[in-house]
Amino acid sequence: MLLLSILLLLTGMVIMARPPSPDEIKKLGEQQQVNYSKDDYDVLPDVGHIPESFKESLKKQKTLYLEMLRQHNL
């Protein structure tokens, strides 16, 4: 019975699924206003804002990781 209920639910979802209409696409586009630009992805973080303590912690972790690799001949 449970299997039948799940099957009917999934069948209903597939039948009701449809692509958005052109009006719905236009409405969504107006709401989101996403500007895809290459410049959005070419920006590197400003290293000056990273605290020195965090940089030192990363260096220590890197050193420990490299030492572990050397010990296991990797």
C-alpha atoms as a PDB file:
ATOM      1  CA  MET A   1       0.000   0.000   0.000  1.00  0.00           C
ATOM      2  CA  LEU A   2       2.836   2.360   0.896  1.00  0.00           C
ATOM      3  CA  LEU A   3       4.605   1.518  -2.346  1.00  0.00           C
ATOM      4  CA  LEU A   4       1.436   2.293  -4.294  1.00  0.00           C
ATOM      5  CA  SER A   5       1.067   5.651  -2.524  1.00  0.00           C
ATOM      6  CA  ILE A   6       4.656   6.583  -3.288  1.00  0.00           C
ATOM      7  CA  LEU A   7       4.245   5.508  -6.902  1.00  0.00           C
ATOM      8  CA  LEU A   8       1.099   7.629  -7.292  1.00  0.00           C
ATOM      9  CA  LEU A   9       2.812  10.622  -5.690  1.00  0.00           C
ATOM     10  CA  LEU A  10       5.817  10.351  -8.005  1.00  0.00           C
ATOM     11  CA  THR A  11       3.582   9.869 -11.043  1.00  0.00           C
ATOM     12  CA  GLY A  12       1.620  12.980 -10.119  1.00  0.00           C
ATOM     13  CA  MET A  13       4.825  14.969  -9.737  1.00  0.00           C
ATOM     14  CA  VAL A  14       6.052  13.878 -13.174  1.00  0.00           C
ATOM     15  CA  ILE A  15       2.724  14.663 -14.836  1.00  0.00           C
ATOM     16  CA  MET A  16       2.487  18.095 -13.179  1.00  0.00           C
ATOM     17  CA  ALA A  17       6.108  18.990 -13.952  1.00  0.00           C
ATOM     18  CA  ARG A  18       6.441  21.436 -16.800  1.00  0.00           C
ATOM     19  CA  PRO A  19       8.966  23.983 -17.988  1.00  0.00           C
ATOM     20  CA  PRO A  20       8.298  27.596 -17.011  1.00  0.00           C
ATOM     21  CA  SER A  21       6.313  29.720 -19.435  1.00  0.00           C
ATOM     22  CA  PRO A  22       7.982  32.696 -21.158  1.00  0.00           C
ATOM     23  CA  ASP A  23       6.094  35.060 -18.827  1.00  0.00           C
ATOM     24  CA  GLU A  24       7.346  33.170 -15.770  1.00  0.00           C
ATOM     25  CA  ILE A  25      10.918  33.270 -17.082  1.00  0.00           C
ATOM     26  CA  LYS A  26      10.655  37.022 -17.665  1.00  0.00           C
ATOM     27  CA  LYS A  27       9.233  37.567 -14.176  1.00  0.00           C
ATOM     28  CA  LEU A  28      12.011  35.506 -12.577  1.00  0.00           C
ATOM     29  CA  GLY A  29      14.624  37.401 -14.579  1.00  0.00           C
ATOM     30  CA  GLU A  30      13.276  40.730 -13.348  1.00  0.00           C
ATOM     31  CA  GLN A  31      13.303  39.540  -9.746  1.00  0.00           C
ATOM     32  CA  GLN A  32      16.815  38.135  -9.722  1.00  0.00           C
ATOM     33  CA  GLN A  33      18.750  40.545 -11.948  1.00  0.00           C
ATOM     34  CA  VAL A  34      21.915  38.460 -12.049  1.00  0.00           C
ATOM     35  CA  ASN A  35      24.777  40.027 -13.945  1.00  0.00           C
ATOM     36  CA  TYR A  36      27.246  37.393 -15.068  1.00  0.00           C
ATOM     37  CA  SER A  37      30.548  38.979 -15.827  1.00  0.00           C
ATOM     38  CA  LYS A  38      34.057  37.628 -16.116  1.00  0.00           C
ATOM     39  CA  ASP A  39      35.162  40.380 -13.747  1.00  0.00           C
ATOM     40  CA  ASP A  40      33.025  38.888 -10.972  1.00  0.00           C
ATOM     41  CA  TYR A  41      35.220  35.800 -10.910  1.00  0.00           C
ATOM     42  CA  ASP A  42      38.649  37.338 -11.483  1.00  0.00           C
ATOM     43  CA  VAL A  43      38.849  39.204  -8.189  1.00  0.00           C
ATOM     44  CA  LEU A  44      41.346  37.813  -5.694  1.00  0.00           C
ATOM     45  CA  PRO A  45      40.901  38.444  -1.971  1.00  0.00           C
ATOM     46  CA  ASP A  46      42.901  41.243  -0.400  1.00  0.00           C
ATOM     47  CA  VAL A  47      45.689  39.439   1.468  1.00  0.00           C
ATOM     48  CA  GLY A  48      46.170  42.484   3.684  1.00  0.00           C
ATOM     49  CA  HIS A  49      42.904  41.710   5.487  1.00  0.00           C
ATOM     50  CA  ILE A  50      44.032  38.222   6.561  1.00  0.00           C
ATOM     51  CA  PRO A  51      45.374  38.270  10.146  1.00  0.00           C
ATOM     52  CA  GLU A  52      49.023  37.306  10.623  1.00  0.00           C
ATOM     53  CA  SER A  53      48.061  34.694  13.222  1.00  0.00           C
ATOM     54  CA  PHE A  54      45.930  32.921  10.618  1.00  0.00           C
ATOM     55  CA  LYS A  55      48.770  33.010   8.084  1.00  0.00           C
ATOM     56  CA  GLU A  56      51.159  31.514  10.651  1.00  0.00           C
ATOM     57  CA  SER A  57      48.624  28.810  11.491  1.00  0.00           C
ATOM     58  CA  LEU A  58      48.336  27.880   7.808  1.00  0.00           C
ATOM     59  CA  LYS A  59      52.123  27.711   7.485  1.00  0.00           C
ATOM     60  CA  LYS A  60      52.332  25.374  10.497  1.00  0.00           C
ATOM     61  CA  GLN A  61      49.588  23.133   9.121  1.00  0.00           C
ATOM     62  CA  LYS A  62      51.307  23.009   5.742  1.00  0.00           C
ATOM     63  CA  THR A  63      54.624  22.093   7.369  1.00  0.00           C
ATOM     64  CA  LEU A  64      52.998  19.334   9.432  1.00  0.00           C
ATOM     65  CA  TYR A  65      51.222  17.970   6.360  1.00  0.00           C
ATOM     66  CA  LEU A  66      54.412  17.934   4.283  1.00  0.00           C
ATOM     67  CA  GLU A  67      56.292  16.226   7.123  1.00  0.00           C
ATOM     68  CA  MET A  68      53.578  13.556   7.331  1.00  0.00           C
ATOM     69  CA  LEU A  69      53.874  12.955   3.577  1.00  0.00           C
ATOM     70  CA  ARG A  70      57.653  12.587   3.889  1.00  0.00           C
ATOM     71  CA  GLN A  71      57.280  10.087   6.735  1.00  0.00           C
ATOM     72  CA  HIS A  72      54.981   7.915   4.647  1.00  0.00           C
ATOM     73  CA  ASN A  73      57.105   8.278   1.505  1.00  0.00           C
ATOM     74  CA  LEU A  74      54.306   9.911  -0.471  1.00  0.00           C
END
